Structure formats: C-alpha cells, structure tokens
Amino acid sequence: MNIFKAKHINKLIILLIFQVVFASFVNKTFAQQYSEYELKAAYIYNFGKFVKWPEKSLKKEFIIGVYGLNPFKGILKEALSGRTLYGKPIKIIYFSDLKNIEKCNILFIPKVKKEELLRILNAVKNYPVLTVGDNIEDFCISGGNINFTPKYSKYRFYINNNSAKRKKLKISSKLLSLSKIITDEIKF
C-alpha cells in the first residue's frame, strides 16, 4: 500500500473514531437528528479531550465560557452536566463583557462584529484559553484557535495551530487531521 493510501485510511479511521466518541456523548440513538447546537456542544467537549493545557492553567474546575448571546440556550449545560475534563468537573460561565474572560479553558464566541472579535482575542491572547468561533469570518486568521464552518463545508472546523501553540496549548494531531489548518502568520 502506498503512503498516500495509508495516510488517507488513517485519516478515515480517526474520523470514524471521533464520530463514535461524539455519538456516544449524547444520550440519543444514532438514528435521531441533532440540533446544530447539540452537535457543537459535543464538539466543544471533544475539543477539550483532544487539546492539552499547561498543568498550571487547570484549576479545580474546567471552565467553558460562552461570550455574548448564548445560542445554546440550556443545551450546553444539559449536555455537559456531570461530565469532567482532565478529572475536573465542567463549569459553564456566560460572559457579557471581557471581565475575567481569561479564566476560561475554552471560550465559545458566537457571531460578533470584527472589532469586538479583535478585542476578545486580544484579551485572551496571552492566556491558555482555547477560543472556538461559531462560523465567524476570518476567525482563525485573526488569531482564534478553532472555528466551526458552514453546514455543508468539506471540513467541520478550521484550526489555527500556530495561535494555539503561542498560548501553550497542544492540539492533538488526531484533531488537526480532521480540520483545515489556517494560519495568522504574515508571509512576505
């Protein structure tokens, strides 16, 4: 078997494993339809499993923040209730401003204007906060870490691994292989 086929098969196997882990996450049968935000809640949880944080940034709770308008309603809390990441209970915090936003481990950012996005990303750029955008234009190019894509895109999400590395976050190669890699580095 040539190297190209082996890499392609490995990528498919990883994708299948990720989907099985994801499917077992939600307490519904495979045949049922999931809402957009049920899927995103499961992905966010799994992002937490495939990213490594610096030990000193993991406090007594694993904090997932949602900035601004909450598109999840009660879905995120319900889906993550009783779950843990890194052996720590998950706590969901909703932010209406930038105060204490750097205390999150994961920060979900729904649709915001470009100026507000840049303020948010700047507020957490020196902290090990995994930023997850909700299909925001130029999110990864602007320094965000993971951005969900439109519904029928080839990839479910984009990742800016360079931005994550600058924050001392290590994204698993398994997760990277399922995404399109975007960079925010300027090349001349």
C-alpha atoms as a PDB file:
ATOM      1  CA  MET A   1       0.000   0.000   0.000  1.00  0.00           C
ATOM      2  CA  ASN A   2       1.443   3.388  -0.874  1.00  0.00           C
ATOM      3  CA  ILE A   3       1.925   6.166   1.687  1.00  0.00           C
ATOM      4  CA  PHE A   4      -0.898   8.314   0.288  1.00  0.00           C
ATOM      5  CA  LYS A   5      -3.459   5.496   0.685  1.00  0.00           C
ATOM      6  CA  ALA A   6      -2.185   4.650   4.180  1.00  0.00           C
ATOM      7  CA  LYS A   7      -2.492   8.297   5.310  1.00  0.00           C
ATOM      8  CA  HIS A   8      -5.981   8.517   3.782  1.00  0.00           C
ATOM      9  CA  ILE A   9      -7.088   5.311   5.521  1.00  0.00           C
ATOM     10  CA  ASN A  10      -5.629   6.515   8.840  1.00  0.00           C
ATOM     11  CA  LYS A  11      -7.484   9.800   8.490  1.00  0.00           C
ATOM     12  CA  LEU A  12     -10.760   7.965   7.840  1.00  0.00           C
ATOM     13  CA  ILE A  13     -10.207   5.705  10.854  1.00  0.00           C
ATOM     14  CA  ILE A  14      -9.556   8.716  13.097  1.00  0.00           C
ATOM     15  CA  LEU A  15     -12.658  10.440  11.724  1.00  0.00           C
ATOM     16  CA  LEU A  16     -14.748   7.355  12.451  1.00  0.00           C
ATOM     17  CA  ILE A  17     -13.347   7.092  15.990  1.00  0.00           C
ATOM     18  CA  PHE A  18     -14.073  10.785  16.589  1.00  0.00           C
ATOM     19  CA  GLN A  19     -17.635  10.314  15.339  1.00  0.00           C
ATOM     20  CA  VAL A  20     -18.198   7.239  17.520  1.00  0.00           C
ATOM     21  CA  VAL A  21     -16.901   9.090  20.591  1.00  0.00           C
ATOM     22  CA  PHE A  22     -19.100  12.020  19.653  1.00  0.00           C
ATOM     23  CA  ALA A  23     -22.182   9.828  19.084  1.00  0.00           C
ATOM     24  CA  SER A  24     -21.793   8.130  22.440  1.00  0.00           C
ATOM     25  CA  PHE A  25     -21.548  11.535  24.101  1.00  0.00           C
ATOM     26  CA  VAL A  26     -25.177  12.483  23.535  1.00  0.00           C
ATOM     27  CA  ASN A  27     -27.789  10.233  25.159  1.00  0.00           C
ATOM     28  CA  LYS A  28     -29.778   9.653  21.972  1.00  0.00           C
ATOM     29  CA  THR A  29     -29.756   6.906  19.391  1.00  0.00           C
ATOM     30  CA  PHE A  30     -27.783   7.248  16.170  1.00  0.00           C
ATOM     31  CA  ALA A  31     -30.979   7.488  14.132  1.00  0.00           C
ATOM     32  CA  GLN A  32     -32.177  10.691  15.762  1.00  0.00           C
ATOM     33  CA  GLN A  33     -31.422  14.133  14.401  1.00  0.00           C
ATOM     34  CA  TYR A  34     -29.382  16.531  16.498  1.00  0.00           C
ATOM     35  CA  SER A  35     -29.763  20.277  16.511  1.00  0.00           C
ATOM     36  CA  GLU A  36     -26.854  22.423  15.382  1.00  0.00           C
ATOM     37  CA  TYR A  37     -26.014  23.417  18.946  1.00  0.00           C
ATOM     38  CA  GLU A  38     -26.302  19.873  20.330  1.00  0.00           C
ATOM     39  CA  LEU A  39     -23.627  18.939  17.798  1.00  0.00           C
ATOM     40  CA  LYS A  40     -21.499  21.952  18.674  1.00  0.00           C
ATOM     41  CA  ALA A  41     -21.780  21.176  22.412  1.00  0.00           C
ATOM     42  CA  ALA A  42     -20.475  17.671  21.710  1.00  0.00           C
ATOM     43  CA  TYR A  43     -17.661  19.016  19.550  1.00  0.00           C
ATOM     44  CA  ILE A  44     -16.639  21.526  22.225  1.00  0.00           C
ATOM     45  CA  TYR A  45     -16.496  18.744  24.803  1.00  0.00           C
ATOM     46  CA  ASN A  46     -14.385  16.622  22.461  1.00  0.00           C
ATOM     47  CA  PHE A  47     -12.098  19.561  21.660  1.00  0.00           C
ATOM     48  CA  GLY A  48     -11.376  19.585  25.386  1.00  0.00           C
ATOM     49  CA  LYS A  49     -10.336  15.932  25.191  1.00  0.00           C
ATOM     50  CA  PHE A  50      -8.003  16.494  22.218  1.00  0.00           C
ATOM     51  CA  VAL A  51      -6.222  19.612  23.475  1.00  0.00           C
ATOM     52  CA  LYS A  52      -3.597  19.647  26.214  1.00  0.00           C
ATOM     53  CA  TRP A  53      -3.425  22.643  28.558  1.00  0.00           C
ATOM     54  CA  PRO A  54      -0.437  23.662  30.653  1.00  0.00           C
ATOM     55  CA  GLU A  55      -0.804  21.960  34.054  1.00  0.00           C
ATOM     56  CA  LYS A  56      -0.796  25.272  35.956  1.00  0.00           C
ATOM     57  CA  SER A  57      -3.822  26.518  33.965  1.00  0.00           C
ATOM     58  CA  LEU A  58      -6.032  23.653  35.135  1.00  0.00           C
ATOM     59  CA  LYS A  59      -7.734  24.771  38.333  1.00  0.00           C
ATOM     60  CA  LYS A  60     -10.313  22.907  40.417  1.00  0.00           C
ATOM     61  CA  GLU A  61     -12.901  23.216  37.624  1.00  0.00           C
ATOM     62  CA  PHE A  62     -12.619  23.028  33.850  1.00  0.00           C
ATOM     63  CA  ILE A  63     -14.293  26.236  32.700  1.00  0.00           C
ATOM     64  CA  ILE A  64     -16.123  26.589  29.409  1.00  0.00           C
ATOM     65  CA  GLY A  65     -17.186  30.148  28.730  1.00  0.00           C
ATOM     66  CA  VAL A  66     -19.760  31.493  26.307  1.00  0.00           C
ATOM     67  CA  TYR A  67     -19.324  35.111  25.298  1.00  0.00           C
ATOM     68  CA  GLY A  68     -22.246  37.408  24.471  1.00  0.00           C
ATOM     69  CA  LEU A  69     -25.513  35.992  23.197  1.00  0.00           C
ATOM     70  CA  ASN A  70     -25.974  32.370  24.193  1.00  0.00           C
ATOM     71  CA  PRO A  71     -27.057  30.366  21.136  1.00  0.00           C
ATOM     72  CA  PHE A  72     -27.024  27.136  23.175  1.00  0.00           C
ATOM     73  CA  LYS A  73     -29.853  28.167  25.496  1.00  0.00           C
ATOM     74  CA  GLY A  74     -29.803  25.252  28.004  1.00  0.00           C
ATOM     75  CA  ILE A  75     -28.234  22.706  25.634  1.00  0.00           C
ATOM     76  CA  LEU A  76     -24.607  23.185  26.699  1.00  0.00           C
ATOM     77  CA  LYS A  77     -25.352  22.895  30.417  1.00  0.00           C
ATOM     78  CA  GLU A  78     -27.588  19.873  29.867  1.00  0.00           C
ATOM     79  CA  ALA A  79     -25.122  18.110  27.559  1.00  0.00           C
ATOM     80  CA  LEU A  80     -22.144  18.634  29.872  1.00  0.00           C
ATOM     81  CA  SER A  81     -23.898  18.120  33.192  1.00  0.00           C
ATOM     82  CA  GLY A  82     -21.976  15.623  35.321  1.00  0.00           C
ATOM     83  CA  ARG A  83     -19.116  15.375  32.810  1.00  0.00           C
ATOM     84  CA  THR A  84     -15.466  16.031  33.527  1.00  0.00           C
ATOM     85  CA  LEU A  85     -12.379  17.044  31.585  1.00  0.00           C
ATOM     86  CA  TYR A  86      -8.914  16.321  32.968  1.00  0.00           C
ATOM     87  CA  GLY A  87     -10.618  14.834  36.029  1.00  0.00           C
ATOM     88  CA  LYS A  88     -12.244  18.162  36.857  1.00  0.00           C
ATOM     89  CA  PRO A  89     -15.961  18.989  36.834  1.00  0.00           C
ATOM     90  CA  ILE A  90     -17.033  21.219  33.970  1.00  0.00           C
ATOM     91  CA  LYS A  91     -18.394  24.631  34.851  1.00  0.00           C
ATOM     92  CA  ILE A  92     -20.210  26.773  32.264  1.00  0.00           C
ATOM     93  CA  ILE A  93     -19.877  30.557  32.623  1.00  0.00           C
ATOM     94  CA  TYR A  94     -21.637  33.155  30.474  1.00  0.00           C
ATOM     95  CA  PHE A  95     -19.819  36.435  29.809  1.00  0.00           C
ATOM     96  CA  SER A  96     -21.402  39.689  28.678  1.00  0.00           C
ATOM     97  CA  ASP A  97     -18.090  41.582  28.804  1.00  0.00           C
ATOM     98  CA  LEU A  98     -14.356  40.891  28.910  1.00  0.00           C
ATOM     99  CA  LYS A  99     -14.054  40.875  32.718  1.00  0.00           C
ATOM    100  CA  ASN A 100     -12.425  37.588  33.904  1.00  0.00           C
ATOM    101  CA  ILE A 101     -12.707  36.046  30.441  1.00  0.00           C
ATOM    102  CA  GLU A 102      -9.095  34.838  30.647  1.00  0.00           C
ATOM    103  CA  LYS A 103     -10.092  32.360  33.388  1.00  0.00           C
ATOM    104  CA  CYS A 104     -11.756  30.028  30.873  1.00  0.00           C
ATOM    105  CA  ASN A 105     -10.151  26.911  29.492  1.00  0.00           C
ATOM    106  CA  ILE A 106     -12.427  27.043  26.421  1.00  0.00           C
ATOM    107  CA  LEU A 107     -14.189  30.195  25.262  1.00  0.00           C
ATOM    108  CA  PHE A 108     -17.023  29.878  22.723  1.00  0.00           C
ATOM    109  CA  ILE A 109     -17.571  33.031  20.720  1.00  0.00           C
ATOM    110  CA  PRO A 110     -20.808  33.319  18.726  1.00  0.00           C
ATOM    111  CA  LYS A 111     -21.339  35.815  15.932  1.00  0.00           C
ATOM    112  CA  VAL A 112     -19.738  39.139  16.818  1.00  0.00           C
ATOM    113  CA  LYS A 113     -18.554  42.123  14.835  1.00  0.00           C
ATOM    114  CA  LYS A 114     -14.920  42.215  13.733  1.00  0.00           C
ATOM    115  CA  GLU A 115     -13.918  44.978  16.194  1.00  0.00           C
ATOM    116  CA  GLU A 116     -15.440  43.082  19.118  1.00  0.00           C
ATOM    117  CA  LEU A 117     -13.802  39.827  17.988  1.00  0.00           C
ATOM    118  CA  LEU A 118     -10.399  41.501  17.956  1.00  0.00           C
ATOM    119  CA  ARG A 119     -10.974  42.858  21.492  1.00  0.00           C
ATOM    120  CA  ILE A 120     -11.954  39.377  22.743  1.00  0.00           C
ATOM    121  CA  LEU A 121      -8.998  37.640  21.090  1.00  0.00           C
ATOM    122  CA  ASN A 122      -6.633  40.326  22.383  1.00  0.00           C
ATOM    123  CA  ALA A 123      -7.978  39.865  25.938  1.00  0.00           C
ATOM    124  CA  VAL A 124      -7.031  36.160  25.941  1.00  0.00           C
ATOM    125  CA  LYS A 125      -4.019  36.107  23.623  1.00  0.00           C
ATOM    126  CA  ASN A 126      -1.521  35.667  26.488  1.00  0.00           C
ATOM    127  CA  TYR A 127      -3.573  33.035  28.311  1.00  0.00           C
ATOM    128  CA  PRO A 128      -4.082  29.310  27.649  1.00  0.00           C
ATOM    129  CA  VAL A 129      -7.690  29.805  26.527  1.00  0.00           C
ATOM    130  CA  LEU A 130      -8.868  27.732  23.562  1.00  0.00           C
ATOM    131  CA  THR A 131     -11.065  30.077  21.543  1.00  0.00           C
ATOM    132  CA  VAL A 132     -13.838  28.493  19.478  1.00  0.00           C
ATOM    133  CA  GLY A 133     -15.693  30.608  16.927  1.00  0.00           C
ATOM    134  CA  ASP A 134     -19.188  29.999  15.630  1.00  0.00           C
ATOM    135  CA  ASN A 135     -18.524  30.260  11.884  1.00  0.00           C
ATOM    136  CA  ILE A 136     -17.050  33.747  12.185  1.00  0.00           C
ATOM    137  CA  GLU A 137     -15.415  35.174   9.073  1.00  0.00           C
ATOM    138  CA  ASP A 138     -11.594  35.422   9.416  1.00  0.00           C
ATOM    139  CA  PHE A 139     -11.736  33.977  12.959  1.00  0.00           C
ATOM    140  CA  CYS A 140      -8.584  31.865  12.653  1.00  0.00           C
ATOM    141  CA  ILE A 141      -6.769  34.448  10.532  1.00  0.00           C
ATOM    142  CA  SER A 142      -7.457  36.946  13.324  1.00  0.00           C
ATOM    143  CA  GLY A 143      -5.804  34.654  15.888  1.00  0.00           C
ATOM    144  CA  GLY A 144      -8.713  32.466  17.010  1.00  0.00           C
ATOM    145  CA  ASN A 145      -7.978  28.777  17.556  1.00  0.00           C
ATOM    146  CA  ILE A 146     -10.901  26.710  16.211  1.00  0.00           C
ATOM    147  CA  ASN A 147     -13.741  27.967  14.029  1.00  0.00           C
ATOM    148  CA  PHE A 148     -16.844  25.993  13.095  1.00  0.00           C
ATOM    149  CA  THR A 149     -17.572  26.092   9.365  1.00  0.00           C
ATOM    150  CA  PRO A 150     -20.856  26.409   7.468  1.00  0.00           C
ATOM    151  CA  LYS A 151     -23.118  23.356   7.436  1.00  0.00           C
ATOM    152  CA  TYR A 152     -22.063  21.757   4.140  1.00  0.00           C
ATOM    153  CA  SER A 153     -18.357  22.587   4.194  1.00  0.00           C
ATOM    154  CA  LYS A 154     -15.776  19.920   3.448  1.00  0.00           C
ATOM    155  CA  TYR A 155     -14.412  20.390   6.985  1.00  0.00           C
ATOM    156  CA  ARG A 156     -16.477  20.817  10.181  1.00  0.00           C
ATOM    157  CA  PHE A 157     -13.959  23.269  11.572  1.00  0.00           C
ATOM    158  CA  TYR A 158     -10.765  25.199  10.873  1.00  0.00           C
ATOM    159  CA  ILE A 159      -7.818  25.309  13.258  1.00  0.00           C
ATOM    160  CA  ASN A 160      -5.068  27.888  13.709  1.00  0.00           C
ATOM    161  CA  ASN A 161      -2.491  25.680  15.406  1.00  0.00           C
ATOM    162  CA  ASN A 162       0.167  28.417  15.481  1.00  0.00           C
ATOM    163  CA  SER A 163      -2.115  30.599  17.590  1.00  0.00           C
ATOM    164  CA  ALA A 164      -2.767  27.670  19.944  1.00  0.00           C
ATOM    165  CA  LYS A 165       0.968  26.965  20.291  1.00  0.00           C
ATOM    166  CA  ARG A 166       1.633  30.595  21.238  1.00  0.00           C
ATOM    167  CA  LYS A 167      -0.828  30.090  24.111  1.00  0.00           C
ATOM    168  CA  LYS A 168       0.958  26.874  25.171  1.00  0.00           C
ATOM    169  CA  LEU A 169      -1.992  24.730  24.014  1.00  0.00           C
ATOM    170  CA  LYS A 170      -1.145  21.463  22.303  1.00  0.00           C
ATOM    171  CA  ILE A 171      -3.777  20.300  19.822  1.00  0.00           C
ATOM    172  CA  SER A 172      -3.720  16.566  19.131  1.00  0.00           C
ATOM    173  CA  SER A 173      -2.625  15.502  15.658  1.00  0.00           C
ATOM    174  CA  LYS A 174      -5.837  13.450  15.528  1.00  0.00           C
ATOM    175  CA  LEU A 175      -7.912  16.607  15.819  1.00  0.00           C
ATOM    176  CA  LEU A 176      -5.662  18.516  13.417  1.00  0.00           C
ATOM    177  CA  SER A 177      -6.106  15.784  10.801  1.00  0.00           C
ATOM    178  CA  LEU A 178      -9.876  16.379  10.797  1.00  0.00           C
ATOM    179  CA  SER A 179      -9.611  20.094  10.103  1.00  0.00           C
ATOM    180  CA  LYS A 180      -8.372  22.601   7.607  1.00  0.00           C
ATOM    181  CA  ILE A 181      -5.304  24.349   9.010  1.00  0.00           C
ATOM    182  CA  ILE A 182      -5.364  28.152   8.853  1.00  0.00           C
ATOM    183  CA  THR A 183      -2.549  30.454   9.833  1.00  0.00           C
ATOM    184  CA  ASP A 184      -2.422  34.047  11.002  1.00  0.00           C
ATOM    185  CA  GLU A 185       1.245  34.463  10.196  1.00  0.00           C
ATOM    186  CA  ILE A 186       2.065  37.074   7.585  1.00  0.00           C
ATOM    187  CA  LYS A 187       4.315  35.840   4.797  1.00  0.00           C
ATOM    188  CA  PHE A 188       6.316  38.188   2.614  1.00  0.00           C
END
